[in-house]
């Protein structure tokens, strides 16, 4: 039986738009982290994921970004030193 594109997951007991029903639970530390300001340090359960990304520009316009992941709830963050960006970005889903 062919399933039309966008027709959902038939026979699996999932609604057509199953992804809208999924909520990502984050720990209280990550909830607080997402509201931290420019000088906020990562909480104790955030671990660096990759190397820091350095974006060079004419001084003083360079900035850095670093990715983190919480070992408790698996939430992912990006910390940026760019003055035009959020200090901490929480990536959901």
PDB file of N, CA and C in Angstrom:
ATOM      1  N   UNK A   1       0.847  -1.181   0.000  1.00  0.00           N
ATOM      2  CA  UNK A   1       0.000   0.000   0.000  1.00  0.00           C
ATOM      3  C   UNK A   1       0.892   1.244   0.000  1.00  0.00           C
ATOM      4  N   UNK A   2       0.698   2.103  -0.948  1.00  0.00           N
ATOM      5  CA  UNK A   2       1.502   3.316  -1.069  1.00  0.00           C
ATOM      6  C   UNK A   2       1.002   4.377  -0.100  1.00  0.00           C
ATOM      7  N   UNK A   3       1.941   5.056   0.538  1.00  0.00           N
ATOM      8  CA  UNK A   3       1.601   6.144   1.446  1.00  0.00           C
ATOM      9  C   UNK A   3       1.916   7.447   0.739  1.00  0.00           C
ATOM     10  N   UNK A   4       0.905   8.302   0.523  1.00  0.00           N
ATOM     11  CA  UNK A   4       1.167   9.574  -0.156  1.00  0.00           C
ATOM     12  C   UNK A   4       2.086  10.457   0.678  1.00  0.00           C
ATOM     13  N   UNK A   5       2.878  11.276  -0.010  1.00  0.00           N
ATOM     14  CA  UNK A   5       3.794  12.186   0.670  1.00  0.00           C
ATOM     15  C   UNK A   5       3.010  13.089   1.612  1.00  0.00           C
ATOM     16  N   UNK A   6       3.459  13.186   2.846  1.00  0.00           N
ATOM     17  CA  UNK A   6       2.792  14.030   3.827  1.00  0.00           C
ATOM     18  C   UNK A   6       1.563  13.382   4.427  1.00  0.00           C
ATOM     19  N   UNK A   7       1.341  12.114   4.142  1.00  0.00           N
ATOM     20  CA  UNK A   7       0.153  11.437   4.625  1.00  0.00           C
ATOM     21  C   UNK A   7       0.263  10.884   6.023  1.00  0.00           C
ATOM     22  N   UNK A   8       1.366  11.120   6.682  1.00  0.00           N
ATOM     23  CA  UNK A   8       1.520  10.630   8.041  1.00  0.00           C
ATOM     24  C   UNK A   8       2.068   9.221   8.074  1.00  0.00           C
ATOM     25  N   UNK A   9       2.090   8.670   9.251  1.00  0.00           N
ATOM     26  CA  UNK A   9       2.609   7.327   9.442  1.00  0.00           C
ATOM     27  C   UNK A   9       1.419   6.418   9.689  1.00  0.00           C
ATOM     28  N   UNK A  10       1.000   5.738   8.640  1.00  0.00           N
ATOM     29  CA  UNK A  10      -0.183   4.898   8.742  1.00  0.00           C
ATOM     30  C   UNK A  10       0.161   3.582   9.414  1.00  0.00           C
ATOM     31  N   UNK A  11      -0.728   3.133  10.269  1.00  0.00           N
ATOM     32  CA  UNK A  11      -0.552   1.857  10.926  1.00  0.00           C
ATOM     33  C   UNK A  11       0.398   1.878  12.109  1.00  0.00           C
ATOM     34  N   UNK A  12       1.034   2.988  12.377  1.00  0.00           N
ATOM     35  CA  UNK A  12       1.978   3.065  13.492  1.00  0.00           C
ATOM     36  C   UNK A  12       1.353   3.711  14.720  1.00  0.00           C
ATOM     37  N   UNK A  13       0.112   4.130  14.614  1.00  0.00           N
ATOM     38  CA  UNK A  13      -0.554   4.762  15.747  1.00  0.00           C
ATOM     39  C   UNK A  13      -0.130   6.196  15.984  1.00  0.00           C
ATOM     40  N   UNK A  14       0.540   6.802  15.020  1.00  0.00           N
ATOM     41  CA  UNK A  14       0.980   8.189  15.155  1.00  0.00           C
ATOM     42  C   UNK A  14       0.079   9.100  14.335  1.00  0.00           C
ATOM     43  N   UNK A  15      -0.229  10.298  14.848  1.00  0.00           N
ATOM     44  CA  UNK A  15      -1.010  11.245  14.054  1.00  0.00           C
ATOM     45  C   UNK A  15      -0.204  11.743  12.864  1.00  0.00           C
ATOM     46  N   UNK A  16      -0.880  12.369  11.907  1.00  0.00           N
ATOM     47  CA  UNK A  16      -0.215  12.856  10.698  1.00  0.00           C
ATOM     48  C   UNK A  16       0.906  13.844  11.009  1.00  0.00           C
ATOM     49  N   UNK A  17       0.720  14.653  12.020  1.00  0.00           N
ATOM     50  CA  UNK A  17       1.736  15.648  12.388  1.00  0.00           C
ATOM     51  C   UNK A  17       2.297  15.287  13.765  1.00  0.00           C
ATOM     52  N   UNK A  18       2.858  14.103  13.886  1.00  0.00           N
ATOM     53  CA  UNK A  18       3.342  13.580  15.157  1.00  0.00           C
ATOM     54  C   UNK A  18       4.421  14.449  15.790  1.00  0.00           C
ATOM     55  N   UNK A  19       5.218  15.165  14.962  1.00  0.00           N
ATOM     56  CA  UNK A  19       6.312  15.964  15.509  1.00  0.00           C
ATOM     57  C   UNK A  19       5.815  17.152  16.319  1.00  0.00           C
ATOM     58  N   UNK A  20       4.578  17.586  16.107  1.00  0.00           N
ATOM     59  CA  UNK A  20       4.048  18.707  16.872  1.00  0.00           C
ATOM     60  C   UNK A  20       3.706  18.299  18.299  1.00  0.00           C
ATOM     61  N   UNK A  21       3.536  16.996  18.547  1.00  0.00           N
ATOM     62  CA  UNK A  21       3.178  16.516  19.870  1.00  0.00           C
ATOM     63  C   UNK A  21       4.392  16.230  20.746  1.00  0.00           C
ATOM     64  N   UNK A  22       5.589  16.271  20.172  1.00  0.00           N
ATOM     65  CA  UNK A  22       6.788  15.949  20.927  1.00  0.00           C
ATOM     66  C   UNK A  22       7.294  17.203  21.630  1.00  0.00           C
ATOM     67  N   UNK A  23       7.468  17.095  22.945  1.00  0.00           N
ATOM     68  CA  UNK A  23       8.024  18.194  23.715  1.00  0.00           C
ATOM     69  C   UNK A  23       9.394  17.784  24.221  1.00  0.00           C
ATOM     70  N   UNK A  24      10.325  18.716  24.155  1.00  0.00           N
ATOM     71  CA  UNK A  24      11.653  18.427  24.655  1.00  0.00           C
ATOM     72  C   UNK A  24      11.740  18.949  26.080  1.00  0.00           C
ATOM     73  N   UNK A  25      11.941  18.055  27.029  1.00  0.00           N
ATOM     74  CA  UNK A  25      12.087  18.459  28.418  1.00  0.00           C
ATOM     75  C   UNK A  25      13.533  18.841  28.669  1.00  0.00           C
ATOM     76  N   UNK A  26      13.722  20.009  29.254  1.00  0.00           N
ATOM     77  CA  UNK A  26      15.078  20.433  29.586  1.00  0.00           C
ATOM     78  C   UNK A  26      15.169  20.595  31.094  1.00  0.00           C
ATOM     79  N   UNK A  27      16.371  20.425  31.611  1.00  0.00           N
ATOM     80  CA  UNK A  27      16.565  20.542  33.056  1.00  0.00           C
ATOM     81  C   UNK A  27      16.485  22.018  33.475  1.00  0.00           C
ATOM     82  N   UNK A  28      16.315  22.229  34.775  1.00  0.00           N
ATOM     83  CA  UNK A  28      16.201  23.590  35.301  1.00  0.00           C
ATOM     84  C   UNK A  28      17.463  24.410  35.044  1.00  0.00           C
ATOM     85  N   UNK A  29      18.630  23.758  35.108  1.00  0.00           N
ATOM     86  CA  UNK A  29      19.881  24.482  34.851  1.00  0.00           C
ATOM     87  C   UNK A  29      19.939  25.002  33.420  1.00  0.00           C
ATOM     88  N   UNK A  30      19.464  24.199  32.462  1.00  0.00           N
ATOM     89  CA  UNK A  30      19.466  24.638  31.061  1.00  0.00           C
ATOM     90  C   UNK A  30      18.429  25.734  30.826  1.00  0.00           C
ATOM     91  N   UNK A  31      17.305  25.653  31.513  1.00  0.00           N
ATOM     92  CA  UNK A  31      16.292  26.712  31.400  1.00  0.00           C
ATOM     93  C   UNK A  31      16.880  28.040  31.870  1.00  0.00           C
ATOM     94  N   UNK A  32      17.604  28.013  32.976  1.00  0.00           N
ATOM     95  CA  UNK A  32      18.256  29.216  33.490  1.00  0.00           C
ATOM     96  C   UNK A  32      19.368  29.674  32.551  1.00  0.00           C
ATOM     97  N   UNK A  33      20.111  28.705  32.006  1.00  0.00           N
ATOM     98  CA  UNK A  33      21.218  29.017  31.097  1.00  0.00           C
ATOM     99  C   UNK A  33      20.731  29.781  29.871  1.00  0.00           C
ATOM    100  N   UNK A  34      19.570  29.409  29.356  1.00  0.00           N
ATOM    101  CA  UNK A  34      19.053  30.040  28.144  1.00  0.00           C
ATOM    102  C   UNK A  34      18.718  31.514  28.355  1.00  0.00           C
ATOM    103  N   UNK A  35      18.622  31.944  29.613  1.00  0.00           N
ATOM    104  CA  UNK A  35      18.284  33.336  29.918  1.00  0.00           C
ATOM    105  C   UNK A  35      19.489  34.140  30.381  1.00  0.00           C
ATOM    106  N   UNK A  36      20.668  33.526  30.376  1.00  0.00           N
ATOM    107  CA  UNK A  36      21.858  34.225  30.864  1.00  0.00           C
ATOM    108  C   UNK A  36      22.293  35.317  29.894  1.00  0.00           C
ATOM    109  N   UNK A  37      22.986  36.288  30.464  1.00  0.00           N
ATOM    110  CA  UNK A  37      23.452  37.425  29.668  1.00  0.00           C
ATOM    111  C   UNK A  37      24.824  37.139  29.073  1.00  0.00           C
ATOM    112  N   UNK A  38      25.385  38.140  28.495  1.00  0.00           N
ATOM    113  CA  UNK A  38      26.655  38.054  27.792  1.00  0.00           C
ATOM    114  C   UNK A  38      27.764  37.425  28.635  1.00  0.00           C
ATOM    115  N   UNK A  39      27.812  37.729  29.914  1.00  0.00           N
ATOM    116  CA  UNK A  39      28.902  37.241  30.758  1.00  0.00           C
ATOM    117  C   UNK A  39      28.581  35.929  31.468  1.00  0.00           C
ATOM    118  N   UNK A  40      27.469  35.311  31.134  1.00  0.00           N
ATOM    119  CA  UNK A  40      27.083  34.075  31.801  1.00  0.00           C
ATOM    120  C   UNK A  40      28.000  32.915  31.448  1.00  0.00           C
ATOM    121  N   UNK A  41      28.470  32.225  32.450  1.00  0.00           N
ATOM    122  CA  UNK A  41      29.326  31.054  32.252  1.00  0.00           C
ATOM    123  C   UNK A  41      28.447  29.816  32.093  1.00  0.00           C
ATOM    124  N   UNK A  42      28.938  28.773  31.411  1.00  0.00           N
ATOM    125  CA  UNK A  42      28.151  27.548  31.270  1.00  0.00           C
ATOM    126  C   UNK A  42      27.964  26.854  32.616  1.00  0.00           C
ATOM    127  N   UNK A  43      26.775  26.255  32.822  1.00  0.00           N
ATOM    128  CA  UNK A  43      26.558  25.536  34.082  1.00  0.00           C
ATOM    129  C   UNK A  43      27.378  24.252  34.109  1.00  0.00           C
ATOM    130  N   UNK A  44      27.443  23.626  35.270  1.00  0.00           N
ATOM    131  CA  UNK A  44      28.386  22.521  35.486  1.00  0.00           C
ATOM    132  C   UNK A  44      28.129  21.272  34.652  1.00  0.00           C
ATOM    133  N   UNK A  45      26.933  21.129  34.066  1.00  0.00           N
ATOM    134  CA  UNK A  45      26.631  19.952  33.255  1.00  0.00           C
ATOM    135  C   UNK A  45      26.758  20.208  31.752  1.00  0.00           C
ATOM    136  N   UNK A  46      27.156  21.419  31.358  1.00  0.00           N
ATOM    137  CA  UNK A  46      27.371  21.718  29.937  1.00  0.00           C
ATOM    138  C   UNK A  46      28.815  21.397  29.567  1.00  0.00           C
ATOM    139  N   UNK A  47      28.970  20.556  28.558  1.00  0.00           N
ATOM    140  CA  UNK A  47      30.293  20.161  28.085  1.00  0.00           C
ATOM    141  C   UNK A  47      30.503  20.665  26.658  1.00  0.00           C
ATOM    142  N   UNK A  48      31.729  21.077  26.345  1.00  0.00           N
ATOM    143  CA  UNK A  48      32.042  21.543  24.994  1.00  0.00           C
ATOM    144  C   UNK A  48      31.898  20.392  24.013  1.00  0.00           C
ATOM    145  N   UNK A  49      31.288  20.685  22.848  1.00  0.00           N
ATOM    146  CA  UNK A  49      31.055  19.653  21.843  1.00  0.00           C
ATOM    147  C   UNK A  49      32.158  19.655  20.794  1.00  0.00           C
ATOM    148  N   UNK A  50      32.462  20.780  20.217  1.00  0.00           N
ATOM    149  CA  UNK A  50      33.461  20.901  19.158  1.00  0.00           C
ATOM    150  C   UNK A  50      34.467  21.977  19.537  1.00  0.00           C
ATOM    151  N   UNK A  51      35.378  22.212  18.624  1.00  0.00           N
ATOM    152  CA  UNK A  51      36.332  23.304  18.800  1.00  0.00           C
ATOM    153  C   UNK A  51      35.602  24.640  18.647  1.00  0.00           C
ATOM    154  N   UNK A  52      36.171  25.663  19.246  1.00  0.00           N
ATOM    155  CA  UNK A  52      35.602  27.001  19.119  1.00  0.00           C
ATOM    156  C   UNK A  52      35.714  27.461  17.666  1.00  0.00           C
ATOM    157  N   UNK A  53      34.675  28.137  17.178  1.00  0.00           N
ATOM    158  CA  UNK A  53      34.692  28.700  15.822  1.00  0.00           C
ATOM    159  C   UNK A  53      35.060  30.178  15.933  1.00  0.00           C
ATOM    160  N   UNK A  54      36.121  30.565  15.258  1.00  0.00           N
ATOM    161  CA  UNK A  54      36.598  31.948  15.308  1.00  0.00           C
ATOM    162  C   UNK A  54      36.247  32.625  13.993  1.00  0.00           C
ATOM    163  N   UNK A  55      35.515  33.722  14.099  1.00  0.00           N
ATOM    164  CA  UNK A  55      35.131  34.512  12.930  1.00  0.00           C
ATOM    165  C   UNK A  55      35.950  35.793  12.977  1.00  0.00           C
ATOM    166  N   UNK A  56      36.849  35.930  12.026  1.00  0.00           N
ATOM    167  CA  UNK A  56      37.739  37.087  12.021  1.00  0.00           C
ATOM    168  C   UNK A  56      37.123  38.206  11.197  1.00  0.00           C
ATOM    169  N   UNK A  57      37.340  39.393  11.659  1.00  0.00           N
ATOM    170  CA  UNK A  57      36.890  40.579  10.957  1.00  0.00           C
ATOM    171  C   UNK A  57      37.847  41.710  11.265  1.00  0.00           C
ATOM    172  N   UNK A  58      37.584  42.854  10.685  1.00  0.00           N
ATOM    173  CA  UNK A  58      38.419  44.012  10.987  1.00  0.00           C
ATOM    174  C   UNK A  58      38.264  44.327  12.476  1.00  0.00           C
ATOM    175  N   UNK A  59      39.367  44.478  13.211  1.00  0.00           N
ATOM    176  CA  UNK A  59      39.273  44.735  14.656  1.00  0.00           C
ATOM    177  C   UNK A  59      38.388  45.942  14.924  1.00  0.00           C
ATOM    178  N   UNK A  60      37.542  45.903  15.877  1.00  0.00           N
ATOM    179  CA  UNK A  60      37.281  44.857  16.866  1.00  0.00           C
ATOM    180  C   UNK A  60      36.069  43.995  16.508  1.00  0.00           C
ATOM    181  N   UNK A  61      35.867  43.664  15.269  1.00  0.00           N
ATOM    182  CA  UNK A  61      34.629  43.017  14.837  1.00  0.00           C
ATOM    183  C   UNK A  61      34.655  41.489  14.858  1.00  0.00           C
ATOM    184  N   UNK A  62      35.749  40.862  15.199  1.00  0.00           N
ATOM    185  CA  UNK A  62      35.786  39.408  15.250  1.00  0.00           C
ATOM    186  C   UNK A  62      34.968  38.884  16.428  1.00  0.00           C
ATOM    187  N   UNK A  63      34.526  37.638  16.325  1.00  0.00           N
ATOM    188  CA  UNK A  63      33.804  37.022  17.436  1.00  0.00           C
ATOM    189  C   UNK A  63      34.017  35.519  17.407  1.00  0.00           C
ATOM    190  N   UNK A  64      33.592  34.854  18.487  1.00  0.00           N
ATOM    191  CA  UNK A  64      33.755  33.410  18.613  1.00  0.00           C
ATOM    192  C   UNK A  64      32.421  32.758  18.948  1.00  0.00           C
ATOM    193  N   UNK A  65      32.281  31.499  18.532  1.00  0.00           N
ATOM    194  CA  UNK A  65      31.121  30.687  18.900  1.00  0.00           C
ATOM    195  C   UNK A  65      31.614  29.341  19.406  1.00  0.00           C
ATOM    196  N   UNK A  66      30.936  28.830  20.423  1.00  0.00           N
ATOM    197  CA  UNK A  66      31.276  27.528  21.000  1.00  0.00           C
ATOM    198  C   UNK A  66      29.985  26.752  21.244  1.00  0.00           C
ATOM    199  N   UNK A  67      29.966  25.483  20.846  1.00  0.00           N
ATOM    200  CA  UNK A  67      28.803  24.626  21.074  1.00  0.00           C
ATOM    201  C   UNK A  67      28.982  23.829  22.357  1.00  0.00           C
ATOM    202  N   UNK A  68      27.863  23.654  23.069  1.00  0.00           N
ATOM    203  CA  UNK A  68      27.837  22.889  24.308  1.00  0.00           C
ATOM    204  C   UNK A  68      26.657  21.929  24.271  1.00  0.00           C
ATOM    205  N   UNK A  69      26.762  20.830  25.039  1.00  0.00           N
ATOM    206  CA  UNK A  69      25.634  19.922  25.217  1.00  0.00           C
ATOM    207  C   UNK A  69      25.559  19.538  26.687  1.00  0.00           C
ATOM    208  N   UNK A  70      24.342  19.521  27.215  1.00  0.00           N
ATOM    209  CA  UNK A  70      24.110  19.159  28.605  1.00  0.00           C
ATOM    210  C   UNK A  70      24.175  17.639  28.741  1.00  0.00           C
ATOM    211  N   UNK A  71      24.947  17.155  29.705  1.00  0.00           N
ATOM    212  CA  UNK A  71      25.051  15.713  29.900  1.00  0.00           C
ATOM    213  C   UNK A  71      23.844  15.157  30.653  1.00  0.00           C
ATOM    214  N   UNK A  72      23.010  16.032  31.214  1.00  0.00           N
ATOM    215  CA  UNK A  72      21.824  15.593  31.937  1.00  0.00           C
ATOM    216  C   UNK A  72      20.622  15.434  31.021  1.00  0.00           C
ATOM    217  N   UNK A  73      20.291  16.490  30.267  1.00  0.00           N
ATOM    218  CA  UNK A  73      19.060  16.465  29.460  1.00  0.00           C
ATOM    219  C   UNK A  73      19.325  16.476  27.957  1.00  0.00           C
ATOM    220  N   UNK A  74      20.603  16.515  27.538  1.00  0.00           N
ATOM    221  CA  UNK A  74      21.016  16.479  26.126  1.00  0.00           C
ATOM    222  C   UNK A  74      20.646  17.742  25.341  1.00  0.00           C
ATOM    223  N   UNK A  75      20.304  18.833  26.032  1.00  0.00           N
ATOM    224  CA  UNK A  75      20.037  20.101  25.348  1.00  0.00           C
ATOM    225  C   UNK A  75      21.324  20.622  24.726  1.00  0.00           C
ATOM    226  N   UNK A  76      21.182  21.307  23.593  1.00  0.00           N
ATOM    227  CA  UNK A  76      22.351  21.848  22.897  1.00  0.00           C
ATOM    228  C   UNK A  76      22.284  23.370  22.898  1.00  0.00           C
ATOM    229  N   UNK A  77      23.429  23.984  23.151  1.00  0.00           N
ATOM    230  CA  UNK A  77      23.553  25.433  23.196  1.00  0.00           C
ATOM    231  C   UNK A  77      24.687  25.884  22.292  1.00  0.00           C
ATOM    232  N   UNK A  78      24.583  27.132  21.836  1.00  0.00           N
ATOM    233  CA  UNK A  78      25.708  27.816  21.212  1.00  0.00           C
ATOM    234  C   UNK A  78      25.942  29.095  21.997  1.00  0.00           C
ATOM    235  N   UNK A  79      27.184  29.307  22.407  1.00  0.00           N
ATOM    236  CA  UNK A  79      27.571  30.546  23.071  1.00  0.00           C
ATOM    237  C   UNK A  79      28.289  31.407  22.048  1.00  0.00           C
ATOM    238  N   UNK A  80      27.882  32.665  21.936  1.00  0.00           N
ATOM    239  CA  UNK A  80      28.466  33.571  20.962  1.00  0.00           C
ATOM    240  C   UNK A  80      28.949  34.839  21.646  1.00  0.00           C
ATOM    241  N   UNK A  81      30.082  35.356  21.175  1.00  0.00           N
ATOM    242  CA  UNK A  81      30.580  36.636  21.675  1.00  0.00           C
ATOM    243  C   UNK A  81      30.236  37.779  20.718  1.00  0.00           C
ATOM    244  N   UNK A  82      29.459  37.483  19.672  1.00  0.00           N
ATOM    245  CA  UNK A  82      29.050  38.509  18.712  1.00  0.00           C
ATOM    246  C   UNK A  82      28.081  39.471  19.388  1.00  0.00           C
ATOM    247  N   UNK A  83      28.351  40.760  19.290  1.00  0.00           N
ATOM    248  CA  UNK A  83      27.498  41.748  19.956  1.00  0.00           C
ATOM    249  C   UNK A  83      26.102  41.817  19.343  1.00  0.00           C
ATOM    250  N   UNK A  84      25.929  41.317  18.115  1.00  0.00           N
ATOM    251  CA  UNK A  84      24.624  41.350  17.460  1.00  0.00           C
ATOM    252  C   UNK A  84      23.875  40.022  17.579  1.00  0.00           C
ATOM    253  N   UNK A  85      24.376  39.115  18.381  1.00  0.00           N
ATOM    254  CA  UNK A  85      23.785  37.792  18.523  1.00  0.00           C
ATOM    255  C   UNK A  85      23.403  37.572  19.984  1.00  0.00           C
ATOM    256  N   UNK A  86      22.583  36.551  20.231  1.00  0.00           N
ATOM    257  CA  UNK A  86      22.280  36.172  21.604  1.00  0.00           C
ATOM    258  C   UNK A  86      23.521  35.555  22.232  1.00  0.00           C
ATOM    259  N   UNK A  87      23.726  35.802  23.519  1.00  0.00           N
ATOM    260  CA  UNK A  87      24.881  35.214  24.192  1.00  0.00           C
ATOM    261  C   UNK A  87      24.764  33.696  24.225  1.00  0.00           C
ATOM    262  N   UNK A  88      23.590  33.189  24.567  1.00  0.00           N
ATOM    263  CA  UNK A  88      23.337  31.752  24.633  1.00  0.00           C
ATOM    264  C   UNK A  88      22.121  31.425  23.790  1.00  0.00           C
ATOM    265  N   UNK A  89      22.270  30.519  22.830  1.00  0.00           N
ATOM    266  CA  UNK A  89      21.155  30.069  21.996  1.00  0.00           C
ATOM    267  C   UNK A  89      20.877  28.613  22.321  1.00  0.00           C
ATOM    268  N   UNK A  90      19.642  28.324  22.738  1.00  0.00           N
ATOM    269  CA  UNK A  90      19.217  26.957  23.016  1.00  0.00           C
ATOM    270  C   UNK A  90      18.593  26.397  21.758  1.00  0.00           C
ATOM    271  N   UNK A  91      19.141  25.289  21.269  1.00  0.00           N
ATOM    272  CA  UNK A  91      18.630  24.651  20.053  1.00  0.00           C
ATOM    273  C   UNK A  91      17.660  23.554  20.463  1.00  0.00           C
ATOM    274  N   UNK A  92      16.397  23.715  20.121  1.00  0.00           N
ATOM    275  CA  UNK A  92      15.376  22.716  20.462  1.00  0.00           C
ATOM    276  C   UNK A  92      15.069  21.879  19.245  1.00  0.00           C
ATOM    277  N   UNK A  93      14.958  20.570  19.500  1.00  0.00           N
ATOM    278  CA  UNK A  93      14.560  19.640  18.440  1.00  0.00           C
ATOM    279  C   UNK A  93      15.434  19.735  17.316  1.00  0.00           C
TER     280      UNK A  93
END
